[in-house]
Amino acid sequence: MSGQTVEEAGALSPELQDWIGRTHLVEDTADLGRAVALQATLESPEDPLASGDALPELWHWIYFWETAPLSGTGADGHGARGRFLPPIDLPRRMWAGSRLTWLRPLRIGLAMTRQTEIAAIQVKQGRSGRLAFVTLRHVVSDPAGPLLEEEHDIVYREAAEAGESWRPGAPSERNLVWSREIVPSPLLLFRYSALTFNGHRIHYDRPYATEVEGYPALIVHGPLLATCMVDLARRSAPDKRIAAFRFRALAPIFDDAPFRVCGDPDDGGADLWVEGFGRSLCMEGRVDWVAP
C-alpha cells in the first residue's frame, strides 16, 4: 500500500492455508438507478445512461453488495472476518490494487453473477510492521457467459502506534498530458460509500479514522481513485475502448486537500496516476485500449 519494501515473514499457518481456494457467489442486477447515481457523483459529461447501455469500466464495483447485518460487522464497519474473508489478526485493511480484463461490455439492466475465489494469502514484514495480503479472483458473468475477470489485492496492517506520522508518497516527476483536479469532499466520500454499501469507517467517521486507526483525516476510497483514473481516460480519449486496467496504491489520499488525476497516453493505452499534496505519487496504473 505505502510502497514500502516488504519481505516474507514465514509460512502460513494451517488455519489460513485452509482458506485458499474457498469460493463465494453473489447475484445482482446492473440496475439503472445506481449507475445514474454514480454518473451524477462523478459529474460525467456523457449523455444520461439508459437501460441497455454499456456500463462504464469499473462501475461494476457499485454492485454485488456485501450485506452483512449490523450484528455481523466488525469494529471497523466491515463485515466480520471469518465469514468469507480469512480471520487475519491485523486490524487495518485497505484495497491495495487490482488487475482487470474486460471480455464483453456489461449492459445496464441485465442480471449478473460474481464468482469469487480466495486465490492467495501472503504474510510479509514491512517497515511499519507485519502485513498480510489477500488476493481475490473475481469472474463477473451475465446469462451469456463471462464479462470480466479481476484480481483484487487487500492489504492488512498492524494497528497505529502512538505518534505515528504518515509520510507522503515520493514526488511525481511524470510527464502529464491529461489532468483533472478533484476535491475529496465528505459528500463525495459519503456517496461512494453508499453506492458501494461500504461500511468501512475510515471513509466517513472522522473520529474513528483519526483516533482509532491513527490517520490524519478521512481516507479517499482506493476504488474511487481508480475509478477516477479510468474516468479521466474515458473523458480524454472518448473514441477508445478499454480492454484492460491495472493499478496499485502507493500511499493514502486524505480528504484534507485536493488531489489530481493524471494521464500520459500512447498508441496502446495510457499510463495513469494520482498525485496528492505536493505532487506526491499515491496511486499508479495503466489502461490498455482494445486493438483496432
C-alpha atoms as a PDB file:
ATOM      1  CA  MET A   1       0.000   0.000   0.000  1.00  0.00           C
ATOM      2  CA  SER A   2       2.662   2.520   1.007  1.00  0.00           C
ATOM      3  CA  GLY A   3       5.282   1.393  -1.477  1.00  0.00           C
ATOM      4  CA  GLN A   4       7.481   0.139   1.334  1.00  0.00           C
ATOM      5  CA  THR A   5       9.916  -2.718   0.932  1.00  0.00           C
ATOM      6  CA  VAL A   6       8.458  -5.956   2.253  1.00  0.00           C
ATOM      7  CA  GLU A   7       9.843  -9.437   2.767  1.00  0.00           C
ATOM      8  CA  GLU A   8       8.329 -12.803   3.512  1.00  0.00           C
ATOM      9  CA  ALA A   9       7.536 -13.326   7.187  1.00  0.00           C
ATOM     10  CA  GLY A  10       7.256 -17.094   7.156  1.00  0.00           C
ATOM     11  CA  ALA A  11       4.899 -19.849   6.071  1.00  0.00           C
ATOM     12  CA  LEU A  12       1.158 -19.529   6.518  1.00  0.00           C
ATOM     13  CA  SER A  13      -0.483 -21.202   9.454  1.00  0.00           C
ATOM     14  CA  PRO A  14      -2.560 -24.270   8.555  1.00  0.00           C
ATOM     15  CA  GLU A  15      -5.680 -22.330   9.559  1.00  0.00           C
ATOM     16  CA  LEU A  16      -5.024 -19.602   6.961  1.00  0.00           C
ATOM     17  CA  GLN A  17      -3.831 -22.077   4.350  1.00  0.00           C
ATOM     18  CA  ASP A  18      -7.232 -23.767   4.515  1.00  0.00           C
ATOM     19  CA  TRP A  19      -8.940 -20.566   3.322  1.00  0.00           C
ATOM     20  CA  ILE A  20      -7.159 -20.571  -0.034  1.00  0.00           C
ATOM     21  CA  GLY A  21      -9.477 -21.857  -2.755  1.00  0.00           C
ATOM     22  CA  ARG A  22     -12.729 -21.012  -0.984  1.00  0.00           C
ATOM     23  CA  THR A  23     -15.388 -19.546  -3.270  1.00  0.00           C
ATOM     24  CA  HIS A  24     -18.397 -17.285  -2.938  1.00  0.00           C
ATOM     25  CA  LEU A  25     -21.164 -16.494  -5.448  1.00  0.00           C
ATOM     26  CA  VAL A  26     -23.172 -13.240  -5.439  1.00  0.00           C
ATOM     27  CA  GLU A  27     -26.106 -12.409  -7.724  1.00  0.00           C
ATOM     28  CA  ASP A  28     -27.199  -8.909  -8.684  1.00  0.00           C
ATOM     29  CA  THR A  29     -28.776  -6.841 -11.462  1.00  0.00           C
ATOM     30  CA  ALA A  30     -26.984  -3.918 -13.083  1.00  0.00           C
ATOM     31  CA  ASP A  31     -29.837  -1.585 -12.222  1.00  0.00           C
ATOM     32  CA  LEU A  32     -30.061   1.802 -13.872  1.00  0.00           C
ATOM     33  CA  GLY A  33     -30.650   3.764 -10.655  1.00  0.00           C
ATOM     34  CA  ARG A  34     -27.254   3.048  -9.129  1.00  0.00           C
ATOM     35  CA  ALA A  35     -25.483   3.755 -12.432  1.00  0.00           C
ATOM     36  CA  VAL A  36     -27.255   7.111 -12.792  1.00  0.00           C
ATOM     37  CA  ALA A  37     -26.323   7.993  -9.199  1.00  0.00           C
ATOM     38  CA  LEU A  38     -22.636   7.273  -9.844  1.00  0.00           C
ATOM     39  CA  GLN A  39     -22.776   9.220 -13.100  1.00  0.00           C
ATOM     40  CA  ALA A  40     -24.023  12.238 -11.145  1.00  0.00           C
ATOM     41  CA  THR A  41     -21.427  11.728  -8.404  1.00  0.00           C
ATOM     42  CA  LEU A  42     -18.553  11.660 -10.913  1.00  0.00           C
ATOM     43  CA  GLU A  43     -20.107  14.590 -12.822  1.00  0.00           C
ATOM     44  CA  SER A  44     -19.740  12.673 -16.048  1.00  0.00           C
ATOM     45  CA  PRO A  45     -20.042  14.827 -19.184  1.00  0.00           C
ATOM     46  CA  GLU A  46     -21.571  11.967 -21.184  1.00  0.00           C
ATOM     47  CA  ASP A  47     -25.226  11.616 -22.131  1.00  0.00           C
ATOM     48  CA  PRO A  48     -27.510  10.258 -19.385  1.00  0.00           C
ATOM     49  CA  LEU A  49     -27.344   6.484 -19.122  1.00  0.00           C
ATOM     50  CA  ALA A  50     -30.256   4.255 -20.120  1.00  0.00           C
ATOM     51  CA  SER A  51     -31.138   0.573 -19.851  1.00  0.00           C
ATOM     52  CA  GLY A  52     -29.169  -1.447 -22.379  1.00  0.00           C
ATOM     53  CA  ASP A  53     -26.181   0.918 -22.391  1.00  0.00           C
ATOM     54  CA  ALA A  54     -22.739  -0.442 -21.657  1.00  0.00           C
ATOM     55  CA  LEU A  55     -21.795   0.146 -18.027  1.00  0.00           C
ATOM     56  CA  PRO A  56     -18.583   2.244 -17.866  1.00  0.00           C
ATOM     57  CA  GLU A  57     -15.472   0.380 -16.778  1.00  0.00           C
ATOM     58  CA  LEU A  58     -15.073  -0.162 -13.012  1.00  0.00           C
ATOM     59  CA  TRP A  59     -18.659   0.809 -12.296  1.00  0.00           C
ATOM     60  CA  HIS A  60     -19.428  -2.845 -11.544  1.00  0.00           C
ATOM     61  CA  TRP A  61     -17.948  -2.082  -8.112  1.00  0.00           C
ATOM     62  CA  ILE A  62     -21.244  -0.396  -7.133  1.00  0.00           C
ATOM     63  CA  TYR A  63     -22.975  -3.786  -7.430  1.00  0.00           C
ATOM     64  CA  PHE A  64     -22.549  -7.134  -5.615  1.00  0.00           C
ATOM     65  CA  TRP A  65     -23.001  -5.557  -2.197  1.00  0.00           C
ATOM     66  CA  GLU A  66     -21.777  -7.438   0.862  1.00  0.00           C
ATOM     67  CA  THR A  67     -24.852  -7.039   3.051  1.00  0.00           C
ATOM     68  CA  ALA A  68     -23.740  -8.277   6.456  1.00  0.00           C
ATOM     69  CA  PRO A  69     -26.285  -7.484   9.202  1.00  0.00           C
ATOM     70  CA  LEU A  70     -25.209  -4.808  11.665  1.00  0.00           C
ATOM     71  CA  SER A  71     -24.642  -7.507  14.261  1.00  0.00           C
ATOM     72  CA  GLY A  72     -22.273  -9.206  11.810  1.00  0.00           C
ATOM     73  CA  THR A  73     -19.923  -6.251  11.323  1.00  0.00           C
ATOM     74  CA  GLY A  74     -16.584  -5.613  12.954  1.00  0.00           C
ATOM     75  CA  ALA A  75     -15.376  -2.522  14.784  1.00  0.00           C
ATOM     76  CA  ASP A  76     -14.105  -1.043  11.517  1.00  0.00           C
ATOM     77  CA  GLY A  77     -17.549  -1.266   9.880  1.00  0.00           C
ATOM     78  CA  HIS A  78     -16.685  -4.122   7.526  1.00  0.00           C
ATOM     79  CA  GLY A  79     -18.352  -7.494   7.673  1.00  0.00           C
ATOM     80  CA  ALA A  80     -16.726  -9.553  10.405  1.00  0.00           C
ATOM     81  CA  ARG A  81     -13.782 -11.626   9.245  1.00  0.00           C
ATOM     82  CA  GLY A  82     -14.148 -15.347   9.179  1.00  0.00           C
ATOM     83  CA  ARG A  83     -17.352 -15.283   7.110  1.00  0.00           C
ATOM     84  CA  PHE A  84     -15.793 -15.419   3.636  1.00  0.00           C
ATOM     85  CA  LEU A  85     -12.550 -13.493   4.129  1.00  0.00           C
ATOM     86  CA  PRO A  86      -9.992 -15.213   6.383  1.00  0.00           C
ATOM     87  CA  PRO A  87      -9.762 -14.180  10.074  1.00  0.00           C
ATOM     88  CA  ILE A  88      -6.454 -12.288   9.793  1.00  0.00           C
ATOM     89  CA  ASP A  89      -5.496 -10.733  13.138  1.00  0.00           C
ATOM     90  CA  LEU A  90      -4.389  -7.343  11.768  1.00  0.00           C
ATOM     91  CA  PRO A  91      -6.873  -4.506  12.375  1.00  0.00           C
ATOM     92  CA  ARG A  92      -6.325  -2.101   9.468  1.00  0.00           C
ATOM     93  CA  ARG A  93      -7.219  -3.076   5.917  1.00  0.00           C
ATOM     94  CA  MET A  94      -7.157  -1.299   2.576  1.00  0.00           C
ATOM     95  CA  TRP A  95      -7.578  -2.015  -1.141  1.00  0.00           C
ATOM     96  CA  ALA A  96      -4.005  -2.412  -2.442  1.00  0.00           C
ATOM     97  CA  GLY A  97      -4.617  -2.866  -6.180  1.00  0.00           C
ATOM     98  CA  SER A  98      -6.388  -4.768  -8.936  1.00  0.00           C
ATOM     99  CA  ARG A  99      -5.868  -6.211 -12.403  1.00  0.00           C
ATOM    100  CA  LEU A 100      -8.909  -6.366 -14.707  1.00  0.00           C
ATOM    101  CA  THR A 101      -9.672  -7.632 -18.205  1.00  0.00           C
ATOM    102  CA  TRP A 102     -12.970  -6.905 -19.971  1.00  0.00           C
ATOM    103  CA  LEU A 103     -14.242  -9.664 -22.237  1.00  0.00           C
ATOM    104  CA  ARG A 104     -17.576  -8.089 -23.251  1.00  0.00           C
ATOM    105  CA  PRO A 105     -19.494  -4.957 -22.240  1.00  0.00           C
ATOM    106  CA  LEU A 106     -21.627  -5.245 -19.110  1.00  0.00           C
ATOM    107  CA  ARG A 107     -25.099  -3.997 -20.090  1.00  0.00           C
ATOM    108  CA  ILE A 108     -27.279  -1.963 -17.730  1.00  0.00           C
ATOM    109  CA  GLY A 109     -30.427  -3.846 -16.774  1.00  0.00           C
ATOM    110  CA  LEU A 110     -29.059  -7.381 -17.085  1.00  0.00           C
ATOM    111  CA  ALA A 111     -28.848  -9.974 -14.324  1.00  0.00           C
ATOM    112  CA  MET A 112     -25.301 -10.952 -13.457  1.00  0.00           C
ATOM    113  CA  THR A 113     -23.226 -13.011 -11.038  1.00  0.00           C
ATOM    114  CA  ARG A 114     -19.818 -12.617  -9.445  1.00  0.00           C
ATOM    115  CA  GLN A 115     -17.890 -15.763  -8.568  1.00  0.00           C
ATOM    116  CA  THR A 116     -15.061 -15.043  -6.128  1.00  0.00           C
ATOM    117  CA  GLU A 117     -12.189 -17.295  -5.106  1.00  0.00           C
ATOM    118  CA  ILE A 118      -9.555 -16.673  -2.441  1.00  0.00           C
ATOM    119  CA  ALA A 119      -6.558 -17.119  -4.723  1.00  0.00           C
ATOM    120  CA  ALA A 120      -3.649 -16.369  -2.375  1.00  0.00           C
ATOM    121  CA  ILE A 121      -2.700 -15.264   1.136  1.00  0.00           C
ATOM    122  CA  GLN A 122       0.761 -13.908   1.949  1.00  0.00           C
ATOM    123  CA  VAL A 123       2.209 -12.673   5.228  1.00  0.00           C
ATOM    124  CA  LYS A 124       5.141 -10.264   4.951  1.00  0.00           C
ATOM    125  CA  GLN A 125       7.239  -7.907   7.037  1.00  0.00           C
ATOM    126  CA  GLY A 126       7.471  -4.207   6.140  1.00  0.00           C
ATOM    127  CA  ARG A 127       8.996  -1.079   7.657  1.00  0.00           C
ATOM    128  CA  SER A 128       5.780  -0.401   9.560  1.00  0.00           C
ATOM    129  CA  GLY A 129       5.413  -3.968  10.844  1.00  0.00           C
ATOM    130  CA  ARG A 130       3.637  -7.131   9.820  1.00  0.00           C
ATOM    131  CA  LEU A 131       1.486  -7.125   6.667  1.00  0.00           C
ATOM    132  CA  ALA A 132      -0.885  -9.656   5.159  1.00  0.00           C
ATOM    133  CA  PHE A 133      -2.045  -9.675   1.540  1.00  0.00           C
ATOM    134  CA  VAL A 134      -5.164 -11.498   0.369  1.00  0.00           C
ATOM    135  CA  THR A 135      -5.759 -11.858  -3.378  1.00  0.00           C
ATOM    136  CA  LEU A 136      -9.307 -12.466  -4.566  1.00  0.00           C
ATOM    137  CA  ARG A 137     -10.103 -13.665  -8.079  1.00  0.00           C
ATOM    138  CA  HIS A 138     -13.482 -12.487  -9.427  1.00  0.00           C
ATOM    139  CA  VAL A 139     -15.332 -13.510 -12.574  1.00  0.00           C
ATOM    140  CA  VAL A 140     -18.397 -11.415 -13.433  1.00  0.00           C
ATOM    141  CA  SER A 141     -20.867 -13.056 -15.830  1.00  0.00           C
ATOM    142  CA  ASP A 142     -24.266 -12.464 -17.389  1.00  0.00           C
ATOM    143  CA  PRO A 143     -26.558 -15.189 -18.821  1.00  0.00           C
ATOM    144  CA  ALA A 144     -24.390 -15.343 -21.959  1.00  0.00           C
ATOM    145  CA  GLY A 145     -21.146 -16.030 -20.075  1.00  0.00           C
ATOM    146  CA  PRO A 146     -18.164 -14.212 -18.526  1.00  0.00           C
ATOM    147  CA  LEU A 147     -17.957 -10.419 -18.881  1.00  0.00           C
ATOM    148  CA  LEU A 148     -14.808  -9.540 -16.974  1.00  0.00           C
ATOM    149  CA  GLU A 149     -12.048 -11.098 -14.912  1.00  0.00           C
ATOM    150  CA  GLU A 150     -10.472  -9.345 -11.955  1.00  0.00           C
ATOM    151  CA  GLU A 151      -7.782  -9.964  -9.364  1.00  0.00           C
ATOM    152  CA  HIS A 152      -8.192  -7.818  -6.236  1.00  0.00           C
ATOM    153  CA  ASP A 153      -5.478  -7.379  -3.594  1.00  0.00           C
ATOM    154  CA  ILE A 154      -6.360  -6.495   0.014  1.00  0.00           C
ATOM    155  CA  VAL A 155      -3.648  -5.479   2.486  1.00  0.00           C
ATOM    156  CA  TYR A 156      -3.964  -5.837   6.265  1.00  0.00           C
ATOM    157  CA  ARG A 157      -1.705  -3.813   8.569  1.00  0.00           C
ATOM    158  CA  GLU A 158      -0.933  -3.569  12.260  1.00  0.00           C
ATOM    159  CA  ALA A 159      -2.647  -1.001  14.488  1.00  0.00           C
ATOM    160  CA  ALA A 160      -1.259   2.524  14.528  1.00  0.00           C
ATOM    161  CA  GLU A 161       1.373   3.310  17.121  1.00  0.00           C
ATOM    162  CA  ALA A 162       1.138   6.387  19.325  1.00  0.00           C
ATOM    163  CA  GLY A 163       2.556   9.381  17.483  1.00  0.00           C
ATOM    164  CA  GLU A 164       2.760   7.586  14.152  1.00  0.00           C
ATOM    165  CA  SER A 165       3.088  10.028  11.250  1.00  0.00           C
ATOM    166  CA  TRP A 166       2.190   9.471   7.620  1.00  0.00           C
ATOM    167  CA  ARG A 167       4.911  10.032   5.068  1.00  0.00           C
ATOM    168  CA  PRO A 168       3.738  11.340   1.702  1.00  0.00           C
ATOM    169  CA  GLY A 169       4.435   9.380  -1.445  1.00  0.00           C
ATOM    170  CA  ALA A 170       7.565  10.118  -3.471  1.00  0.00           C
ATOM    171  CA  PRO A 171       7.313  13.298  -5.578  1.00  0.00           C
ATOM    172  CA  SER A 172       5.879  12.649  -9.025  1.00  0.00           C
ATOM    173  CA  GLU A 173       8.072  13.760 -11.922  1.00  0.00           C
ATOM    174  CA  ARG A 174       5.975  12.214 -14.669  1.00  0.00           C
ATOM    175  CA  ASN A 175       5.079  13.805 -17.977  1.00  0.00           C
ATOM    176  CA  LEU A 176       1.370  14.509 -17.706  1.00  0.00           C
ATOM    177  CA  VAL A 177      -0.777  15.132 -20.781  1.00  0.00           C
ATOM    178  CA  TRP A 178      -4.188  14.744 -19.130  1.00  0.00           C
ATOM    179  CA  SER A 179      -5.073  16.009 -15.670  1.00  0.00           C
ATOM    180  CA  ARG A 180      -8.119  16.754 -13.546  1.00  0.00           C
ATOM    181  CA  GLU A 181      -8.193  18.164 -10.018  1.00  0.00           C
ATOM    182  CA  ILE A 182     -10.775  16.713  -7.647  1.00  0.00           C
ATOM    183  CA  VAL A 183     -11.794  17.981  -4.215  1.00  0.00           C
ATOM    184  CA  PRO A 184     -12.494  14.962  -1.953  1.00  0.00           C
ATOM    185  CA  SER A 185     -15.425  16.428  -0.062  1.00  0.00           C
ATOM    186  CA  PRO A 186     -17.151  14.478   2.720  1.00  0.00           C
ATOM    187  CA  LEU A 187     -20.200  14.337   0.418  1.00  0.00           C
ATOM    188  CA  LEU A 188     -18.201  12.632  -2.329  1.00  0.00           C
ATOM    189  CA  LEU A 189     -16.876  10.061   0.156  1.00  0.00           C
ATOM    190  CA  PHE A 190     -20.338   9.524   1.624  1.00  0.00           C
ATOM    191  CA  ARG A 191     -21.913   8.986  -1.786  1.00  0.00           C
ATOM    192  CA  TYR A 192     -19.290   6.470  -2.874  1.00  0.00           C
ATOM    193  CA  SER A 193     -19.565   4.592   0.432  1.00  0.00           C
ATOM    194  CA  ALA A 194     -23.346   4.462  -0.010  1.00  0.00           C
ATOM    195  CA  LEU A 195     -23.201   3.391  -3.659  1.00  0.00           C
ATOM    196  CA  THR A 196     -20.816   0.537  -2.827  1.00  0.00           C
ATOM    197  CA  PHE A 197     -22.511  -0.289   0.511  1.00  0.00           C
ATOM    198  CA  ASN A 198     -19.065   0.126   2.051  1.00  0.00           C
ATOM    199  CA  GLY A 199     -19.308   0.461   5.825  1.00  0.00           C
ATOM    200  CA  HIS A 200     -15.567   0.974   6.364  1.00  0.00           C
ATOM    201  CA  ARG A 201     -15.490   3.797   8.895  1.00  0.00           C
ATOM    202  CA  ILE A 202     -12.176   5.306   7.708  1.00  0.00           C
ATOM    203  CA  HIS A 203     -14.124   6.899   4.822  1.00  0.00           C
ATOM    204  CA  TYR A 204     -16.859   8.733   6.780  1.00  0.00           C
ATOM    205  CA  ASP A 205     -16.256   8.554  10.548  1.00  0.00           C
ATOM    206  CA  ARG A 206     -13.543  11.140  11.236  1.00  0.00           C
ATOM    207  CA  PRO A 207     -13.109  10.432  14.987  1.00  0.00           C
ATOM    208  CA  TYR A 208     -12.730   6.713  14.241  1.00  0.00           C
ATOM    209  CA  ALA A 209     -10.280   7.317  11.358  1.00  0.00           C
ATOM    210  CA  THR A 210      -8.081   9.680  13.365  1.00  0.00           C
ATOM    211  CA  GLU A 211      -8.387   8.465  16.952  1.00  0.00           C
ATOM    212  CA  VAL A 212      -8.670   4.691  16.462  1.00  0.00           C
ATOM    213  CA  GLU A 213      -6.824   3.913  13.222  1.00  0.00           C
ATOM    214  CA  GLY A 214      -4.382   6.802  13.529  1.00  0.00           C
ATOM    215  CA  TYR A 215      -4.904   8.524  10.172  1.00  0.00           C
ATOM    216  CA  PRO A 216      -4.666  12.325   9.919  1.00  0.00           C
ATOM    217  CA  ALA A 217      -8.053  12.644   8.154  1.00  0.00           C
ATOM    218  CA  LEU A 218     -10.655  10.611   6.282  1.00  0.00           C
ATOM    219  CA  ILE A 219      -9.255   8.331   3.584  1.00  0.00           C
ATOM    220  CA  VAL A 220     -10.451   8.523  -0.015  1.00  0.00           C
ATOM    221  CA  HIS A 221     -11.500   5.058  -1.203  1.00  0.00           C
ATOM    222  CA  GLY A 222      -8.896   3.242  -3.280  1.00  0.00           C
ATOM    223  CA  PRO A 223     -11.508   2.029  -5.796  1.00  0.00           C
ATOM    224  CA  LEU A 224     -12.862   5.593  -6.100  1.00  0.00           C
ATOM    225  CA  LEU A 225      -9.370   6.829  -7.016  1.00  0.00           C
ATOM    226  CA  ALA A 226      -9.035   4.004  -9.540  1.00  0.00           C
ATOM    227  CA  THR A 227     -12.455   4.851 -10.967  1.00  0.00           C
ATOM    228  CA  CYS A 228     -11.383   8.486 -11.334  1.00  0.00           C
ATOM    229  CA  MET A 229      -8.262   7.369 -13.243  1.00  0.00           C
ATOM    230  CA  VAL A 230     -10.299   5.318 -15.702  1.00  0.00           C
ATOM    231  CA  ASP A 231     -12.871   8.111 -15.890  1.00  0.00           C
ATOM    232  CA  LEU A 232     -10.079  10.500 -16.935  1.00  0.00           C
ATOM    233  CA  ALA A 233      -9.040   8.110 -19.715  1.00  0.00           C
ATOM    234  CA  ARG A 234     -12.634   7.829 -20.927  1.00  0.00           C
ATOM    235  CA  ARG A 235     -13.094  11.628 -20.898  1.00  0.00           C
ATOM    236  CA  SER A 236      -9.783  12.272 -22.637  1.00  0.00           C
ATOM    237  CA  ALA A 237      -9.967   9.531 -25.287  1.00  0.00           C
ATOM    238  CA  PRO A 238     -13.696   9.007 -25.943  1.00  0.00           C
ATOM    239  CA  ASP A 239     -13.024   7.214 -29.232  1.00  0.00           C
ATOM    240  CA  LYS A 240     -11.057   4.432 -27.488  1.00  0.00           C
ATOM    241  CA  ARG A 241     -12.383   1.303 -25.771  1.00  0.00           C
ATOM    242  CA  ILE A 242     -10.688  -0.120 -22.706  1.00  0.00           C
ATOM    243  CA  ALA A 243      -9.579  -3.750 -22.793  1.00  0.00           C
ATOM    244  CA  ALA A 244      -7.675  -3.972 -19.502  1.00  0.00           C
ATOM    245  CA  PHE A 245      -6.686  -1.936 -16.460  1.00  0.00           C
ATOM    246  CA  ARG A 246      -4.286  -2.484 -13.603  1.00  0.00           C
ATOM    247  CA  PHE A 247      -3.388  -0.285 -10.655  1.00  0.00           C
ATOM    248  CA  ARG A 248      -1.665  -0.308  -7.301  1.00  0.00           C
ATOM    249  CA  ALA A 249      -1.946   2.002  -4.325  1.00  0.00           C
ATOM    250  CA  LEU A 250       1.282   3.574  -3.073  1.00  0.00           C
ATOM    251  CA  ALA A 251       0.132   5.996  -0.348  1.00  0.00           C
ATOM    252  CA  PRO A 252      -3.233   7.144   1.029  1.00  0.00           C
ATOM    253  CA  ILE A 253      -5.114  10.181  -0.223  1.00  0.00           C
ATOM    254  CA  PHE A 254      -6.838  12.077   2.586  1.00  0.00           C
ATOM    255  CA  ASP A 255      -9.807  14.418   2.405  1.00  0.00           C
ATOM    256  CA  ASP A 256      -7.901  17.462   3.697  1.00  0.00           C
ATOM    257  CA  ALA A 257      -6.573  18.618   0.295  1.00  0.00           C
ATOM    258  CA  PRO A 258      -7.450  18.308  -3.417  1.00  0.00           C
ATOM    259  CA  PHE A 259      -5.816  15.560  -5.444  1.00  0.00           C
ATOM    260  CA  ARG A 260      -5.008  15.397  -9.146  1.00  0.00           C
ATOM    261  CA  VAL A 261      -5.694  12.526 -11.537  1.00  0.00           C
ATOM    262  CA  CYS A 262      -3.159  12.419 -14.375  1.00  0.00           C
ATOM    263  CA  GLY A 263      -2.508  10.518 -17.592  1.00  0.00           C
ATOM    264  CA  ASP A 264       0.074  10.100 -20.349  1.00  0.00           C
ATOM    265  CA  PRO A 265      -1.384   8.298 -23.416  1.00  0.00           C
ATOM    266  CA  ASP A 266       0.381   6.299 -26.104  1.00  0.00           C
ATOM    267  CA  ASP A 267      -0.731   4.169 -29.039  1.00  0.00           C
ATOM    268  CA  GLY A 268      -1.556   1.135 -26.897  1.00  0.00           C
ATOM    269  CA  GLY A 269      -3.176   2.777 -23.897  1.00  0.00           C
ATOM    270  CA  ALA A 270      -2.297   5.281 -21.198  1.00  0.00           C
ATOM    271  CA  ASP A 271      -0.272   5.430 -18.021  1.00  0.00           C
ATOM    272  CA  LEU A 272      -2.425   6.854 -15.226  1.00  0.00           C
ATOM    273  CA  TRP A 273      -1.634   8.074 -11.737  1.00  0.00           C
ATOM    274  CA  VAL A 274      -2.934  10.084  -8.789  1.00  0.00           C
ATOM    275  CA  GLU A 275      -0.964  12.892  -7.182  1.00  0.00           C
ATOM    276  CA  GLY A 276      -1.674  14.090  -3.674  1.00  0.00           C
ATOM    277  CA  PHE A 277      -0.435  17.134  -1.782  1.00  0.00           C
ATOM    278  CA  GLY A 278       2.871  18.445  -3.161  1.00  0.00           C
ATOM    279  CA  ARG A 279       2.577  16.220  -6.258  1.00  0.00           C
ATOM    280  CA  SER A 280       3.254  13.120  -4.148  1.00  0.00           C
ATOM    281  CA  LEU A 281       2.603   9.908  -6.092  1.00  0.00           C
ATOM    282  CA  CYS A 282      -0.199   7.995  -4.367  1.00  0.00           C
ATOM    283  CA  MET A 283      -1.566   5.566  -6.980  1.00  0.00           C
ATOM    284  CA  GLU A 284      -0.406   4.366 -10.379  1.00  0.00           C
ATOM    285  CA  GLY A 285      -1.999   2.286 -13.099  1.00  0.00           C
ATOM    286  CA  ARG A 286      -2.436   1.707 -16.803  1.00  0.00           C
ATOM    287  CA  VAL A 287      -5.284   1.180 -19.237  1.00  0.00           C
ATOM    288  CA  ASP A 288      -4.812  -0.817 -22.431  1.00  0.00           C
ATOM    289  CA  TRP A 289      -7.007   0.005 -25.434  1.00  0.00           C
ATOM    290  CA  VAL A 290      -8.916  -2.572 -27.426  1.00  0.00           C
ATOM    291  CA  ALA A 291      -6.860  -3.228 -30.557  1.00  0.00           C
ATOM    292  CA  PRO A 292      -8.361  -1.556 -33.653  1.00  0.00           C
END
